[in-house]
Amino acid sequence: MSCCGNKRNTFRGVFTQETTNTQSVQAEPYPPAVDIFFEYRGEKRLTVLGASTGRRYSFDGQGVRLAVAAGDVAGMMGVPGLYRVRKT
């Protein structure tokens, strides 16, 4: 086998790694799902923080209906006084 004649050491440092500027992209919040609504049937105001989106849902009183993002539906199902309803 022949020797590389120190060529390997010569090539070290010839190759450089280029770095590119990358921008961090923030995910868009879940859009409200048009067909998923909740109605509040309690007597006082209620504010619920969406577990998935972090969105604040403010029900100002009894009978208020709001569209809820798809990612927040499961969490809203367990809130007393909130009921999933159809948009009418």
PDB file of N, CA and C in Angstrom:
ATOM      1  N   MET A   1       0.837  -1.157   0.000  1.00  0.00           N
ATOM      2  CA  MET A   1       0.000   0.000   0.000  1.00  0.00           C
ATOM      3  C   MET A   1       0.894   1.236   0.000  1.00  0.00           C
ATOM      4  N   SER A   2       0.515   2.215  -0.754  1.00  0.00           N
ATOM      5  CA  SER A   2       1.358   3.407  -0.828  1.00  0.00           C
ATOM      6  C   SER A   2       0.888   4.454   0.175  1.00  0.00           C
ATOM      7  N   CYS A   3       1.781   5.339   0.482  1.00  0.00           N
ATOM      8  CA  CYS A   3       1.491   6.418   1.424  1.00  0.00           C
ATOM      9  C   CYS A   3       0.815   7.569   0.684  1.00  0.00           C
ATOM     10  N   CYS A   4      -0.005   8.285   1.380  1.00  0.00           N
ATOM     11  CA  CYS A   4      -0.708   9.394   0.744  1.00  0.00           C
ATOM     12  C   CYS A   4       0.183  10.631   0.639  1.00  0.00           C
ATOM     13  N   GLY A   5       1.351  10.545   1.146  1.00  0.00           N
ATOM     14  CA  GLY A   5       2.293  11.659   1.040  1.00  0.00           C
ATOM     15  C   GLY A   5       1.852  12.874   1.829  1.00  0.00           C
ATOM     16  N   ASN A   6       1.213  12.624   2.947  1.00  0.00           N
ATOM     17  CA  ASN A   6       0.761  13.711   3.835  1.00  0.00           C
ATOM     18  C   ASN A   6      -0.358  14.563   3.223  1.00  0.00           C
ATOM     19  N   LYS A   7      -0.971  14.065   2.144  1.00  0.00           N
ATOM     20  CA  LYS A   7      -2.046  14.826   1.490  1.00  0.00           C
ATOM     21  C   LYS A   7      -3.270  14.966   2.403  1.00  0.00           C
ATOM     22  N   ARG A   8      -3.520  13.945   3.219  1.00  0.00           N
ATOM     23  CA  ARG A   8      -4.680  14.004   4.104  1.00  0.00           C
ATOM     24  C   ARG A   8      -4.581  15.206   5.035  1.00  0.00           C
ATOM     25  N   ASN A   9      -3.406  15.435   5.610  1.00  0.00           N
ATOM     26  CA  ASN A   9      -3.224  16.579   6.506  1.00  0.00           C
ATOM     27  C   ASN A   9      -3.331  17.902   5.758  1.00  0.00           C
ATOM     28  N   THR A  10      -2.938  17.915   4.494  1.00  0.00           N
ATOM     29  CA  THR A  10      -3.036  19.126   3.685  1.00  0.00           C
ATOM     30  C   THR A  10      -4.491  19.497   3.445  1.00  0.00           C
ATOM     31  N   PHE A  11      -5.336  18.497   3.260  1.00  0.00           N
ATOM     32  CA  PHE A  11      -6.743  18.760   2.964  1.00  0.00           C
ATOM     33  C   PHE A  11      -7.559  19.144   4.193  1.00  0.00           C
ATOM     34  N   ARG A  12      -7.084  18.864   5.360  1.00  0.00           N
ATOM     35  CA  ARG A  12      -7.826  19.278   6.556  1.00  0.00           C
ATOM     36  C   ARG A  12      -7.910  20.787   6.560  1.00  0.00           C
ATOM     37  N   GLY A  13      -8.967  21.345   6.790  1.00  0.00           N
ATOM     38  CA  GLY A  13      -9.092  22.795   6.826  1.00  0.00           C
ATOM     39  C   GLY A  13      -9.456  23.380   5.478  1.00  0.00           C
ATOM     40  N   VAL A  14      -9.329  22.597   4.391  1.00  0.00           N
ATOM     41  CA  VAL A  14      -9.763  23.078   3.087  1.00  0.00           C
ATOM     42  C   VAL A  14     -11.280  23.121   3.050  1.00  0.00           C
ATOM     43  N   PHE A  15     -11.887  22.140   3.658  1.00  0.00           N
ATOM     44  CA  PHE A  15     -13.338  22.066   3.673  1.00  0.00           C
ATOM     45  C   PHE A  15     -13.867  22.839   4.871  1.00  0.00           C
ATOM     46  N   THR A  16     -14.727  23.777   4.616  1.00  0.00           N
ATOM     47  CA  THR A  16     -15.344  24.536   5.700  1.00  0.00           C
ATOM     48  C   THR A  16     -16.846  24.340   5.635  1.00  0.00           C
ATOM     49  N   GLN A  17     -17.430  24.437   6.757  1.00  0.00           N
ATOM     50  CA  GLN A  17     -18.876  24.274   6.825  1.00  0.00           C
ATOM     51  C   GLN A  17     -19.514  25.646   6.803  1.00  0.00           C
ATOM     52  N   GLU A  18     -20.417  25.843   5.854  1.00  0.00           N
ATOM     53  CA  GLU A  18     -21.114  27.123   5.762  1.00  0.00           C
ATOM     54  C   GLU A  18     -22.332  27.101   6.655  1.00  0.00           C
ATOM     55  N   THR A  19     -22.543  28.194   7.324  1.00  0.00           N
ATOM     56  CA  THR A  19     -23.753  28.307   8.129  1.00  0.00           C
ATOM     57  C   THR A  19     -24.641  29.345   7.486  1.00  0.00           C
ATOM     58  N   THR A  20     -25.893  29.109   7.543  1.00  0.00           N
ATOM     59  CA  THR A  20     -26.847  30.064   6.981  1.00  0.00           C
ATOM     60  C   THR A  20     -27.660  30.655   8.109  1.00  0.00           C
ATOM     61  N   ASN A  21     -28.094  31.857   7.915  1.00  0.00           N
ATOM     62  CA  ASN A  21     -28.969  32.484   8.910  1.00  0.00           C
ATOM     63  C   ASN A  21     -30.353  31.895   8.760  1.00  0.00           C
ATOM     64  N   THR A  22     -30.850  31.342   9.834  1.00  0.00           N
ATOM     65  CA  THR A  22     -32.201  30.797   9.805  1.00  0.00           C
ATOM     66  C   THR A  22     -33.062  31.607  10.745  1.00  0.00           C
ATOM     67  N   GLN A  23     -34.254  31.838  10.322  1.00  0.00           N
ATOM     68  CA  GLN A  23     -35.202  32.572  11.156  1.00  0.00           C
ATOM     69  C   GLN A  23     -36.105  31.574  11.843  1.00  0.00           C
ATOM     70  N   SER A  24     -36.377  31.823  13.109  1.00  0.00           N
ATOM     71  CA  SER A  24     -37.297  30.936  13.807  1.00  0.00           C
ATOM     72  C   SER A  24     -38.716  31.324  13.411  1.00  0.00           C
ATOM     73  N   VAL A  25     -39.492  30.323  13.165  1.00  0.00           N
ATOM     74  CA  VAL A  25     -40.868  30.543  12.742  1.00  0.00           C
ATOM     75  C   VAL A  25     -41.780  30.119  13.870  1.00  0.00           C
ATOM     76  N   GLN A  26     -42.665  31.005  14.268  1.00  0.00           N
ATOM     77  CA  GLN A  26     -43.621  30.667  15.317  1.00  0.00           C
ATOM     78  C   GLN A  26     -44.860  30.062  14.670  1.00  0.00           C
ATOM     79  N   ALA A  27     -45.367  29.039  15.296  1.00  0.00           N
ATOM     80  CA  ALA A  27     -46.570  28.401  14.779  1.00  0.00           C
ATOM     81  C   ALA A  27     -47.760  29.331  14.948  1.00  0.00           C
ATOM     82  N   GLU A  28     -48.609  29.309  13.959  1.00  0.00           N
ATOM     83  CA  GLU A  28     -49.830  30.106  14.037  1.00  0.00           C
ATOM     84  C   GLU A  28     -50.754  29.463  15.067  1.00  0.00           C
ATOM     85  N   PRO A  29     -51.501  30.282  15.793  1.00  0.00           N
ATOM     86  CA  PRO A  29     -52.461  29.690  16.734  1.00  0.00           C
ATOM     87  C   PRO A  29     -53.556  28.953  15.979  1.00  0.00           C
ATOM     88  N   TYR A  30     -54.154  27.989  16.658  1.00  0.00           N
ATOM     89  CA  TYR A  30     -55.246  27.260  16.018  1.00  0.00           C
ATOM     90  C   TYR A  30     -56.351  28.229  15.630  1.00  0.00           C
ATOM     91  N   PRO A  31     -56.846  28.115  14.424  1.00  0.00           N
ATOM     92  CA  PRO A  31     -57.985  28.954  14.065  1.00  0.00           C
ATOM     93  C   PRO A  31     -59.232  28.400  14.736  1.00  0.00           C
ATOM     94  N   PRO A  32     -60.186  29.263  15.053  1.00  0.00           N
ATOM     95  CA  PRO A  32     -61.410  28.722  15.649  1.00  0.00           C
ATOM     96  C   PRO A  32     -62.112  27.820  14.645  1.00  0.00           C
ATOM     97  N   ALA A  33     -62.584  26.704  15.102  1.00  0.00           N
ATOM     98  CA  ALA A  33     -63.318  25.802  14.225  1.00  0.00           C
ATOM     99  C   ALA A  33     -64.744  26.303  14.138  1.00  0.00           C
ATOM    100  N   VAL A  34     -65.218  26.514  12.945  1.00  0.00           N
ATOM    101  CA  VAL A  34     -66.521  27.142  12.750  1.00  0.00           C
ATOM    102  C   VAL A  34     -67.657  26.265  13.270  1.00  0.00           C
ATOM    103  N   ASP A  35     -67.446  24.969  13.299  1.00  0.00           N
ATOM    104  CA  ASP A  35     -68.548  24.101  13.708  1.00  0.00           C
ATOM    105  C   ASP A  35     -68.446  23.631  15.160  1.00  0.00           C
ATOM    106  N   ILE A  36     -67.484  24.140  15.923  1.00  0.00           N
ATOM    107  CA  ILE A  36     -67.358  23.731  17.318  1.00  0.00           C
ATOM    108  C   ILE A  36     -67.637  24.932  18.224  1.00  0.00           C
ATOM    109  N   PHE A  37     -68.808  24.915  18.835  1.00  0.00           N
ATOM    110  CA  PHE A  37     -69.223  26.018  19.696  1.00  0.00           C
ATOM    111  C   PHE A  37     -69.541  25.500  21.087  1.00  0.00           C
ATOM    112  N   PHE A  38     -69.316  26.365  22.048  1.00  0.00           N
ATOM    113  CA  PHE A  38     -69.685  26.059  23.424  1.00  0.00           C
ATOM    114  C   PHE A  38     -70.579  27.167  23.947  1.00  0.00           C
ATOM    115  N   GLU A  39     -71.564  26.748  24.741  1.00  0.00           N
ATOM    116  CA  GLU A  39     -72.483  27.707  25.365  1.00  0.00           C
ATOM    117  C   GLU A  39     -72.300  27.629  26.871  1.00  0.00           C
ATOM    118  N   TYR A  40     -72.267  28.789  27.491  1.00  0.00           N
ATOM    119  CA  TYR A  40     -72.133  28.853  28.945  1.00  0.00           C
ATOM    120  C   TYR A  40     -73.517  28.957  29.557  1.00  0.00           C
ATOM    121  N   ARG A  41     -73.801  28.096  30.523  1.00  0.00           N
ATOM    122  CA  ARG A  41     -75.117  28.094  31.171  1.00  0.00           C
ATOM    123  C   ARG A  41     -75.029  28.407  32.658  1.00  0.00           C
ATOM    124  N   GLY A  42     -73.898  28.935  33.054  1.00  0.00           N
ATOM    125  CA  GLY A  42     -73.735  29.334  34.445  1.00  0.00           C
ATOM    126  C   GLY A  42     -74.310  30.721  34.673  1.00  0.00           C
ATOM    127  N   GLU A  43     -74.240  31.203  35.913  1.00  0.00           N
ATOM    128  CA  GLU A  43     -74.859  32.480  36.246  1.00  0.00           C
ATOM    129  C   GLU A  43     -73.889  33.655  36.275  1.00  0.00           C
ATOM    130  N   LYS A  44     -72.614  33.397  36.450  1.00  0.00           N
ATOM    131  CA  LYS A  44     -71.639  34.484  36.524  1.00  0.00           C
ATOM    132  C   LYS A  44     -70.732  34.438  35.305  1.00  0.00           C
ATOM    133  N   ARG A  45     -69.804  35.379  35.231  1.00  0.00           N
ATOM    134  CA  ARG A  45     -68.815  35.378  34.144  1.00  0.00           C
ATOM    135  C   ARG A  45     -67.886  34.179  34.292  1.00  0.00           C
ATOM    136  N   LEU A  46     -67.375  33.720  33.149  1.00  0.00           N
ATOM    137  CA  LEU A  46     -66.435  32.610  33.158  1.00  0.00           C
ATOM    138  C   LEU A  46     -65.359  32.869  32.111  1.00  0.00           C
ATOM    139  N   THR A  47     -64.124  32.731  32.509  1.00  0.00           N
ATOM    140  CA  THR A  47     -63.007  32.836  31.579  1.00  0.00           C
ATOM    141  C   THR A  47     -62.239  31.527  31.632  1.00  0.00           C
ATOM    142  N   VAL A  48     -62.021  30.946  30.451  1.00  0.00           N
ATOM    143  CA  VAL A  48     -61.328  29.665  30.352  1.00  0.00           C
ATOM    144  C   VAL A  48     -60.104  29.861  29.469  1.00  0.00           C
ATOM    145  N   LEU A  49     -58.982  29.339  29.916  1.00  0.00           N
ATOM    146  CA  LEU A  49     -57.744  29.395  29.144  1.00  0.00           C
ATOM    147  C   LEU A  49     -57.621  28.094  28.361  1.00  0.00           C
ATOM    148  N   GLY A  50     -57.538  28.202  27.036  1.00  0.00           N
ATOM    149  CA  GLY A  50     -57.423  27.015  26.188  1.00  0.00           C
ATOM    150  C   GLY A  50     -56.153  26.237  26.494  1.00  0.00           C
ATOM    151  N   ALA A  51     -56.292  24.962  26.779  1.00  0.00           N
ATOM    152  CA  ALA A  51     -55.154  24.134  27.174  1.00  0.00           C
ATOM    153  C   ALA A  51     -54.139  23.967  26.051  1.00  0.00           C
ATOM    154  N   SER A  52     -54.597  23.915  24.832  1.00  0.00           N
ATOM    155  CA  SER A  52     -53.698  23.687  23.705  1.00  0.00           C
ATOM    156  C   SER A  52     -53.172  24.987  23.096  1.00  0.00           C
ATOM    157  N   THR A  53     -54.041  25.964  22.929  1.00  0.00           N
ATOM    158  CA  THR A  53     -53.659  27.202  22.245  1.00  0.00           C
ATOM    159  C   THR A  53     -53.252  28.333  23.175  1.00  0.00           C
ATOM    160  N   GLY A  54     -53.690  28.262  24.431  1.00  0.00           N
ATOM    161  CA  GLY A  54     -53.423  29.357  25.364  1.00  0.00           C
ATOM    162  C   GLY A  54     -54.370  30.525  25.162  1.00  0.00           C
ATOM    163  N   ARG A  55     -55.330  30.355  24.280  1.00  0.00           N
ATOM    164  CA  ARG A  55     -56.307  31.407  23.988  1.00  0.00           C
ATOM    165  C   ARG A  55     -57.270  31.572  25.164  1.00  0.00           C
ATOM    166  N   ARG A  56     -57.667  32.804  25.421  1.00  0.00           N
ATOM    167  CA  ARG A  56     -58.587  33.115  26.517  1.00  0.00           C
ATOM    168  C   ARG A  56     -60.010  33.216  25.970  1.00  0.00           C
ATOM    169  N   TYR A  57     -60.901  32.404  26.530  1.00  0.00           N
ATOM    170  CA  TYR A  57     -62.313  32.421  26.144  1.00  0.00           C
ATOM    171  C   TYR A  57     -63.104  33.063  27.280  1.00  0.00           C
ATOM    172  N   SER A  58     -63.742  34.186  26.996  1.00  0.00           N
ATOM    173  CA  SER A  58     -64.499  34.906  28.026  1.00  0.00           C
ATOM    174  C   SER A  58     -65.993  34.795  27.754  1.00  0.00           C
ATOM    175  N   PHE A  59     -66.680  34.130  28.652  1.00  0.00           N
ATOM    176  CA  PHE A  59     -68.133  34.002  28.601  1.00  0.00           C
ATOM    177  C   PHE A  59     -68.681  35.018  29.592  1.00  0.00           C
ATOM    178  N   ASP A  60     -69.326  36.063  29.097  1.00  0.00           N
ATOM    179  CA  ASP A  60     -69.771  37.175  29.946  1.00  0.00           C
ATOM    180  C   ASP A  60     -71.051  36.893  30.731  1.00  0.00           C
ATOM    181  N   GLY A  61     -71.719  35.817  30.421  1.00  0.00           N
ATOM    182  CA  GLY A  61     -72.935  35.494  31.159  1.00  0.00           C
ATOM    183  C   GLY A  61     -73.633  34.297  30.545  1.00  0.00           C
ATOM    184  N   GLN A  62     -74.769  33.973  31.109  1.00  0.00           N
ATOM    185  CA  GLN A  62     -75.538  32.819  30.677  1.00  0.00           C
ATOM    186  C   GLN A  62     -75.984  32.965  29.224  1.00  0.00           C
ATOM    187  N   GLY A  63     -75.855  31.892  28.463  1.00  0.00           N
ATOM    188  CA  GLY A  63     -76.308  31.872  27.074  1.00  0.00           C
ATOM    189  C   GLY A  63     -75.270  32.316  26.044  1.00  0.00           C
ATOM    190  N   VAL A  64     -74.117  32.767  26.491  1.00  0.00           N
ATOM    191  CA  VAL A  64     -73.077  33.205  25.548  1.00  0.00           C
ATOM    192  C   VAL A  64     -72.489  31.990  24.843  1.00  0.00           C
ATOM    193  N   ARG A  65     -72.391  32.092  23.514  1.00  0.00           N
ATOM    194  CA  ARG A  65     -71.799  31.029  22.699  1.00  0.00           C
ATOM    195  C   ARG A  65     -70.538  31.542  22.039  1.00  0.00           C
ATOM    196  N   LEU A  66     -69.482  30.711  22.073  1.00  0.00           N
ATOM    197  CA  LEU A  66     -68.216  31.072  21.447  1.00  0.00           C
ATOM    198  C   LEU A  66     -67.685  29.921  20.614  1.00  0.00           C
ATOM    199  N   ALA A  67     -67.033  30.266  19.505  1.00  0.00           N
ATOM    200  CA  ALA A  67     -66.329  29.271  18.707  1.00  0.00           C
ATOM    201  C   ALA A  67     -65.047  28.910  19.446  1.00  0.00           C
ATOM    202  N   VAL A  68     -64.725  27.645  19.448  1.00  0.00           N
ATOM    203  CA  VAL A  68     -63.562  27.163  20.183  1.00  0.00           C
ATOM    204  C   VAL A  68     -62.611  26.482  19.204  1.00  0.00           C
ATOM    205  N   ALA A  69     -61.323  26.756  19.342  1.00  0.00           N
ATOM    206  CA  ALA A  69     -60.309  26.126  18.496  1.00  0.00           C
ATOM    207  C   ALA A  69     -60.326  24.617  18.716  1.00  0.00           C
ATOM    208  N   ALA A  70     -60.076  23.894  17.646  1.00  0.00           N
ATOM    209  CA  ALA A  70     -60.134  22.429  17.697  1.00  0.00           C
ATOM    210  C   ALA A  70     -59.233  21.844  18.786  1.00  0.00           C
ATOM    211  N   GLY A  71     -58.078  22.430  18.990  1.00  0.00           N
ATOM    212  CA  GLY A  71     -57.157  21.919  19.996  1.00  0.00           C
ATOM    213  C   GLY A  71     -57.610  22.125  21.426  1.00  0.00           C
ATOM    214  N   ASP A  72     -58.566  23.026  21.636  1.00  0.00           N
ATOM    215  CA  ASP A  72     -59.039  23.329  22.994  1.00  0.00           C
ATOM    216  C   ASP A  72     -60.329  22.605  23.370  1.00  0.00           C
ATOM    217  N   VAL A  73     -60.937  21.912  22.426  1.00  0.00           N
ATOM    218  CA  VAL A  73     -62.248  21.290  22.657  1.00  0.00           C
ATOM    219  C   VAL A  73     -62.212  20.282  23.804  1.00  0.00           C
ATOM    220  N   ALA A  74     -61.240  19.404  23.822  1.00  0.00           N
ATOM    221  CA  ALA A  74     -61.198  18.363  24.862  1.00  0.00           C
ATOM    222  C   ALA A  74     -61.158  18.968  26.263  1.00  0.00           C
ATOM    223  N   GLY A  75     -60.383  20.022  26.439  1.00  0.00           N
ATOM    224  CA  GLY A  75     -60.302  20.665  27.745  1.00  0.00           C
ATOM    225  C   GLY A  75     -61.585  21.364  28.140  1.00  0.00           C
ATOM    226  N   MET A  76     -62.275  21.922  27.154  1.00  0.00           N
ATOM    227  CA  MET A  76     -63.525  22.642  27.437  1.00  0.00           C
ATOM    228  C   MET A  76     -64.644  21.690  27.858  1.00  0.00           C
ATOM    229  N   MET A  77     -64.548  20.438  27.415  1.00  0.00           N
ATOM    230  CA  MET A  77     -65.597  19.467  27.741  1.00  0.00           C
ATOM    231  C   MET A  77     -65.688  19.213  29.243  1.00  0.00           C
ATOM    232  N   GLY A  78     -64.615  19.419  29.968  1.00  0.00           N
ATOM    233  CA  GLY A  78     -64.620  19.148  31.398  1.00  0.00           C
ATOM    234  C   GLY A  78     -64.926  20.345  32.279  1.00  0.00           C
ATOM    235  N   VAL A  79     -65.230  21.505  31.680  1.00  0.00           N
ATOM    236  CA  VAL A  79     -65.505  22.715  32.467  1.00  0.00           C
ATOM    237  C   VAL A  79     -66.982  22.748  32.850  1.00  0.00           C
ATOM    238  N   PRO A  80     -67.280  22.811  34.146  1.00  0.00           N
ATOM    239  CA  PRO A  80     -68.677  22.868  34.578  1.00  0.00           C
ATOM    240  C   PRO A  80     -69.383  24.104  34.024  1.00  0.00           C
ATOM    241  N   GLY A  81     -70.594  23.908  33.526  1.00  0.00           N
ATOM    242  CA  GLY A  81     -71.391  25.013  32.996  1.00  0.00           C
ATOM    243  C   GLY A  81     -71.195  25.251  31.516  1.00  0.00           C
ATOM    244  N   LEU A  82     -70.227  24.595  30.897  1.00  0.00           N
ATOM    245  CA  LEU A  82     -70.010  24.719  29.451  1.00  0.00           C
ATOM    246  C   LEU A  82     -70.550  23.493  28.744  1.00  0.00           C
ATOM    247  N   TYR A  83     -71.271  23.744  27.651  1.00  0.00           N
ATOM    248  CA  TYR A  83     -71.870  22.658  26.895  1.00  0.00           C
ATOM    249  C   TYR A  83     -71.587  22.859  25.422  1.00  0.00           C
ATOM    250  N   ARG A  84     -71.195  21.788  24.766  1.00  0.00           N
ATOM    251  CA  ARG A  84     -70.961  21.861  23.332  1.00  0.00           C
ATOM    252  C   ARG A  84     -72.320  21.935  22.623  1.00  0.00           C
ATOM    253  N   VAL A  85     -72.448  22.913  21.725  1.00  0.00           N
ATOM    254  CA  VAL A  85     -73.702  23.131  21.021  1.00  0.00           C
ATOM    255  C   VAL A  85     -73.438  23.331  19.537  1.00  0.00           C
ATOM    256  N   ARG A  86     -74.496  23.274  18.763  1.00  0.00           N
ATOM    257  CA  ARG A  86     -74.401  23.576  17.332  1.00  0.00           C
ATOM    258  C   ARG A  86     -74.616  25.056  17.120  1.00  0.00           C
ATOM    259  N   LYS A  87     -73.984  25.574  16.097  1.00  0.00           N
ATOM    260  CA  LYS A  87     -74.180  26.989  15.772  1.00  0.00           C
ATOM    261  C   LYS A  87     -75.579  27.114  15.152  1.00  0.00           C
ATOM    262  N   THR A  88     -76.348  28.051  15.678  1.00  0.00           N
ATOM    263  CA  THR A  88     -77.700  28.241  15.127  1.00  0.00           C
ATOM    264  C   THR A  88     -77.901  29.645  14.647  1.00  0.00           C
TER     265      THR A  88
END
